[in-house]
Amino acid sequence: MRVLTLFAIMVLLTACGQQEEAEKKQSQPVVTMPQQNFDTARITRGGRLFKEYCAECHGDKAQGAANWRQKGADGKYPAPPLDGTGHAWHHPKKILLMTIRDGTGKLGGSMPAWGSQLSEQDMNDIITWFQVKWPDEIYAEWVKRDAQSN
């Protein structure tokens, strides 16, 4: 009889533990990663524009200058990577667009202003192209920061 009672208690405890675990899983929020824009036409167009306007300084794969963290002889920092390994992802979209449109000359940098040569759509396509290179975690953090800036 004792064995039977012990067995019944063990089954009951196991069932309770399983129920608690199931309830815990149900109450946890589901974390989803934001999806990057995989519009291949925009990415292709952005890549072509990047190679034409940006690659000379930022590198053909958006890897940036090798010494981008060190000031050059002119006292300015070389072009940073835009592939998710630099700091571009810290900036909301409006700042990325402003930087492309207005350049960094007024801020003491050497990036030219492209606003007279690139349309808003061109600039957005360039951003889409380099953002596709960002790891999911970096892109997710950027989406959060971008939303907070609006």
C-alpha atoms as a PDB file:
ATOM      1  CA  MET A   1       0.000   0.000   0.000  1.00  0.00           C
ATOM      2  CA  ARG A   2       2.845   2.363   0.851  1.00  0.00           C
ATOM      3  CA  VAL A   3       4.445   1.810  -2.530  1.00  0.00           C
ATOM      4  CA  LEU A   4       1.156   2.491  -4.252  1.00  0.00           C
ATOM      5  CA  THR A   5       0.659   5.739  -2.273  1.00  0.00           C
ATOM      6  CA  LEU A   6       4.232   6.877  -3.030  1.00  0.00           C
ATOM      7  CA  PHE A   7       3.732   6.099  -6.707  1.00  0.00           C
ATOM      8  CA  ALA A   8       0.480   8.103  -6.762  1.00  0.00           C
ATOM      9  CA  ILE A   9       2.189  11.085  -5.098  1.00  0.00           C
ATOM     10  CA  MET A  10       5.080  10.985  -7.615  1.00  0.00           C
ATOM     11  CA  VAL A  11       2.658  10.911 -10.558  1.00  0.00           C
ATOM     12  CA  LEU A  12       0.704  13.805  -9.075  1.00  0.00           C
ATOM     13  CA  LEU A  13       3.848  15.897  -8.477  1.00  0.00           C
ATOM     14  CA  THR A  14       5.148  15.185 -11.963  1.00  0.00           C
ATOM     15  CA  ALA A  15       1.839  16.229 -13.490  1.00  0.00           C
ATOM     16  CA  CYS A  16       1.809  19.453 -11.454  1.00  0.00           C
ATOM     17  CA  GLY A  17       5.363  20.259 -12.522  1.00  0.00           C
ATOM     18  CA  GLN A  18       4.487  19.704 -16.166  1.00  0.00           C
ATOM     19  CA  GLN A  19       1.402  21.925 -15.826  1.00  0.00           C
ATOM     20  CA  GLU A  20       3.462  24.712 -14.218  1.00  0.00           C
ATOM     21  CA  GLU A  21       6.070  24.474 -16.979  1.00  0.00           C
ATOM     22  CA  ALA A  22       3.362  24.657 -19.677  1.00  0.00           C
ATOM     23  CA  GLU A  23       1.785  27.690 -17.989  1.00  0.00           C
ATOM     24  CA  LYS A  24       5.181  29.382 -17.693  1.00  0.00           C
ATOM     25  CA  LYS A  25       5.859  28.901 -21.430  1.00  0.00           C
ATOM     26  CA  GLN A  26       2.438  30.301 -22.321  1.00  0.00           C
ATOM     27  CA  SER A  27       2.955  33.431 -20.214  1.00  0.00           C
ATOM     28  CA  GLN A  28       6.338  34.296 -21.719  1.00  0.00           C
ATOM     29  CA  PRO A  29       6.179  36.848 -24.541  1.00  0.00           C
ATOM     30  CA  VAL A  30       7.128  35.621 -27.973  1.00  0.00           C
ATOM     31  CA  VAL A  31      10.176  37.512 -29.228  1.00  0.00           C
ATOM     32  CA  THR A  32      10.234  37.963 -32.964  1.00  0.00           C
ATOM     33  CA  MET A  33      13.042  39.442 -34.964  1.00  0.00           C
ATOM     34  CA  PRO A  34      11.971  42.228 -37.320  1.00  0.00           C
ATOM     35  CA  GLN A  35      12.300  41.198 -40.917  1.00  0.00           C
ATOM     36  CA  GLN A  36      14.709  43.117 -43.064  1.00  0.00           C
ATOM     37  CA  ASN A  37      13.476  44.441 -46.383  1.00  0.00           C
ATOM     38  CA  PHE A  38      14.410  41.733 -48.846  1.00  0.00           C
ATOM     39  CA  ASP A  39      12.999  43.506 -51.896  1.00  0.00           C
ATOM     40  CA  THR A  40      15.563  42.249 -54.384  1.00  0.00           C
ATOM     41  CA  ALA A  41      14.945  45.070 -56.861  1.00  0.00           C
ATOM     42  CA  ARG A  42      15.700  47.700 -54.182  1.00  0.00           C
ATOM     43  CA  ILE A  43      18.717  45.768 -52.945  1.00  0.00           C
ATOM     44  CA  THR A  44      20.107  45.381 -56.470  1.00  0.00           C
ATOM     45  CA  ARG A  45      19.522  49.041 -57.238  1.00  0.00           C
ATOM     46  CA  GLY A  46      20.980  50.086 -53.878  1.00  0.00           C
ATOM     47  CA  GLY A  47      24.061  47.943 -54.492  1.00  0.00           C
ATOM     48  CA  ARG A  48      24.622  49.525 -57.898  1.00  0.00           C
ATOM     49  CA  LEU A  49      24.240  53.024 -56.435  1.00  0.00           C
ATOM     50  CA  PHE A  50      26.477  52.159 -53.485  1.00  0.00           C
ATOM     51  CA  LYS A  51      29.245  51.010 -55.835  1.00  0.00           C
ATOM     52  CA  GLU A  52      28.881  54.197 -57.873  1.00  0.00           C
ATOM     53  CA  TYR A  53      28.695  56.725 -55.027  1.00  0.00           C
ATOM     54  CA  CYS A  54      29.939  55.130 -51.803  1.00  0.00           C
ATOM     55  CA  ALA A  55      32.325  52.217 -52.415  1.00  0.00           C
ATOM     56  CA  GLU A  56      35.356  54.386 -53.140  1.00  0.00           C
ATOM     57  CA  CYS A  57      35.459  55.386 -49.465  1.00  0.00           C
ATOM     58  CA  HIS A  58      33.310  52.789 -47.661  1.00  0.00           C
ATOM     59  CA  GLY A  59      34.637  49.756 -49.582  1.00  0.00           C
ATOM     60  CA  ASP A  60      32.914  47.564 -52.162  1.00  0.00           C
ATOM     61  CA  LYS A  61      31.340  45.397 -49.447  1.00  0.00           C
ATOM     62  CA  ALA A  62      30.628  48.340 -47.093  1.00  0.00           C
ATOM     63  CA  GLN A  63      33.538  47.187 -44.920  1.00  0.00           C
ATOM     64  CA  GLY A  64      34.876  50.739 -44.453  1.00  0.00           C
ATOM     65  CA  ALA A  65      38.469  51.874 -44.356  1.00  0.00           C
ATOM     66  CA  ALA A  66      40.851  49.561 -42.509  1.00  0.00           C
ATOM     67  CA  ASN A  67      41.841  52.321 -40.089  1.00  0.00           C
ATOM     68  CA  TRP A  68      38.398  53.945 -39.729  1.00  0.00           C
ATOM     69  CA  ARG A  69      38.826  54.474 -35.960  1.00  0.00           C
ATOM     70  CA  GLN A  70      42.028  56.525 -36.338  1.00  0.00           C
ATOM     71  CA  LYS A  71      42.232  60.097 -37.568  1.00  0.00           C
ATOM     72  CA  GLY A  72      44.126  60.536 -40.788  1.00  0.00           C
ATOM     73  CA  ALA A  73      46.816  63.095 -41.541  1.00  0.00           C
ATOM     74  CA  ASP A  74      44.037  65.592 -42.338  1.00  0.00           C
ATOM     75  CA  GLY A  75      42.649  65.191 -38.801  1.00  0.00           C
ATOM     76  CA  LYS A  76      39.507  63.468 -40.065  1.00  0.00           C
ATOM     77  CA  TYR A  77      38.334  59.920 -39.561  1.00  0.00           C
ATOM     78  CA  PRO A  78      38.251  57.687 -42.652  1.00  0.00           C
ATOM     79  CA  ALA A  79      34.962  56.213 -43.848  1.00  0.00           C
ATOM     80  CA  PRO A  80      33.484  53.767 -41.316  1.00  0.00           C
ATOM     81  CA  PRO A  81      32.056  50.364 -42.207  1.00  0.00           C
ATOM     82  CA  LEU A  82      28.357  50.262 -42.996  1.00  0.00           C
ATOM     83  CA  ASP A  83      28.076  46.465 -42.861  1.00  0.00           C
ATOM     84  CA  GLY A  84      26.989  46.292 -39.214  1.00  0.00           C
ATOM     85  CA  THR A  85      30.503  46.234 -37.747  1.00  0.00           C
ATOM     86  CA  GLY A  86      30.763  50.016 -37.386  1.00  0.00           C
ATOM     87  CA  HIS A  87      28.491  52.540 -35.735  1.00  0.00           C
ATOM     88  CA  ALA A  88      26.039  53.332 -38.558  1.00  0.00           C
ATOM     89  CA  TRP A  89      23.406  51.115 -36.963  1.00  0.00           C
ATOM     90  CA  HIS A  90      23.379  53.441 -33.936  1.00  0.00           C
ATOM     91  CA  HIS A  91      21.770  56.140 -36.086  1.00  0.00           C
ATOM     92  CA  PRO A  92      18.076  56.332 -36.966  1.00  0.00           C
ATOM     93  CA  LYS A  93      17.037  56.342 -40.604  1.00  0.00           C
ATOM     94  CA  LYS A  94      16.480  60.103 -40.660  1.00  0.00           C
ATOM     95  CA  ILE A  95      20.135  60.638 -39.617  1.00  0.00           C
ATOM     96  CA  LEU A  96      21.411  58.133 -42.184  1.00  0.00           C
ATOM     97  CA  LEU A  97      19.421  59.929 -44.886  1.00  0.00           C
ATOM     98  CA  MET A  98      20.610  63.346 -43.689  1.00  0.00           C
ATOM     99  CA  THR A  99      24.231  62.168 -43.725  1.00  0.00           C
ATOM    100  CA  ILE A 100      23.945  60.905 -47.298  1.00  0.00           C
ATOM    101  CA  ARG A 101      22.002  63.970 -48.443  1.00  0.00           C
ATOM    102  CA  ASP A 102      24.063  66.665 -46.678  1.00  0.00           C
ATOM    103  CA  GLY A 103      27.434  64.972 -46.192  1.00  0.00           C
ATOM    104  CA  THR A 104      29.579  65.534 -43.127  1.00  0.00           C
ATOM    105  CA  GLY A 105      31.508  68.646 -44.167  1.00  0.00           C
ATOM    106  CA  LYS A 106      29.623  70.915 -41.747  1.00  0.00           C
ATOM    107  CA  LEU A 107      30.431  68.448 -38.954  1.00  0.00           C
ATOM    108  CA  GLY A 108      34.145  68.400 -39.743  1.00  0.00           C
ATOM    109  CA  GLY A 109      34.038  65.208 -41.798  1.00  0.00           C
ATOM    110  CA  SER A 110      34.935  64.569 -45.407  1.00  0.00           C
ATOM    111  CA  MET A 111      31.860  62.787 -46.788  1.00  0.00           C
ATOM    112  CA  PRO A 112      30.435  64.725 -49.715  1.00  0.00           C
ATOM    113  CA  ALA A 113      26.779  65.709 -49.913  1.00  0.00           C
ATOM    114  CA  TRP A 114      24.892  63.547 -52.419  1.00  0.00           C
ATOM    115  CA  GLY A 115      21.499  65.253 -52.145  1.00  0.00           C
ATOM    116  CA  SER A 116      21.770  66.970 -55.515  1.00  0.00           C
ATOM    117  CA  GLN A 117      22.652  63.706 -57.288  1.00  0.00           C
ATOM    118  CA  LEU A 118      20.587  61.094 -55.435  1.00  0.00           C
ATOM    119  CA  SER A 119      16.834  61.036 -54.941  1.00  0.00           C
ATOM    120  CA  GLU A 120      15.252  60.108 -51.608  1.00  0.00           C
ATOM    121  CA  GLN A 121      14.459  56.688 -53.118  1.00  0.00           C
ATOM    122  CA  ASP A 122      18.092  56.275 -54.222  1.00  0.00           C
ATOM    123  CA  MET A 123      19.285  57.009 -50.683  1.00  0.00           C
ATOM    124  CA  ASN A 124      16.738  54.606 -49.183  1.00  0.00           C
ATOM    125  CA  ASP A 125      17.826  51.880 -51.606  1.00  0.00           C
ATOM    126  CA  ILE A 126      21.471  52.384 -50.635  1.00  0.00           C
ATOM    127  CA  ILE A 127      20.541  52.094 -46.965  1.00  0.00           C
ATOM    128  CA  THR A 128      18.508  48.944 -47.703  1.00  0.00           C
ATOM    129  CA  TRP A 129      21.505  47.444 -49.500  1.00  0.00           C
ATOM    130  CA  PHE A 130      23.913  47.898 -46.615  1.00  0.00           C
ATOM    131  CA  GLN A 131      21.350  47.016 -43.947  1.00  0.00           C
ATOM    132  CA  VAL A 132      20.874  43.594 -45.544  1.00  0.00           C
ATOM    133  CA  LYS A 133      24.482  42.948 -44.531  1.00  0.00           C
ATOM    134  CA  TRP A 134      23.681  43.565 -40.849  1.00  0.00           C
ATOM    135  CA  PRO A 135      23.276  40.556 -38.545  1.00  0.00           C
ATOM    136  CA  ASP A 136      19.690  40.022 -37.368  1.00  0.00           C
ATOM    137  CA  GLU A 137      20.517  41.148 -33.822  1.00  0.00           C
ATOM    138  CA  ILE A 138      22.044  44.409 -35.059  1.00  0.00           C
ATOM    139  CA  TYR A 139      19.094  45.069 -37.354  1.00  0.00           C
ATOM    140  CA  ALA A 140      16.618  44.356 -34.525  1.00  0.00           C
ATOM    141  CA  GLU A 141      18.412  46.821 -32.246  1.00  0.00           C
ATOM    142  CA  TRP A 142      18.451  49.417 -35.041  1.00  0.00           C
ATOM    143  CA  VAL A 143      14.687  48.998 -35.598  1.00  0.00           C
ATOM    144  CA  LYS A 144      14.131  49.610 -31.878  1.00  0.00           C
ATOM    145  CA  ARG A 145      16.365  52.695 -31.823  1.00  0.00           C
ATOM    146  CA  ASP A 146      14.838  54.017 -35.040  1.00  0.00           C
ATOM    147  CA  ALA A 147      11.308  53.689 -33.606  1.00  0.00           C
ATOM    148  CA  GLN A 148      12.360  55.546 -30.444  1.00  0.00           C
ATOM    149  CA  SER A 149      13.724  58.452 -32.471  1.00  0.00           C
ATOM    150  CA  ASN A 150      10.383  59.252 -34.116  1.00  0.00           C
END
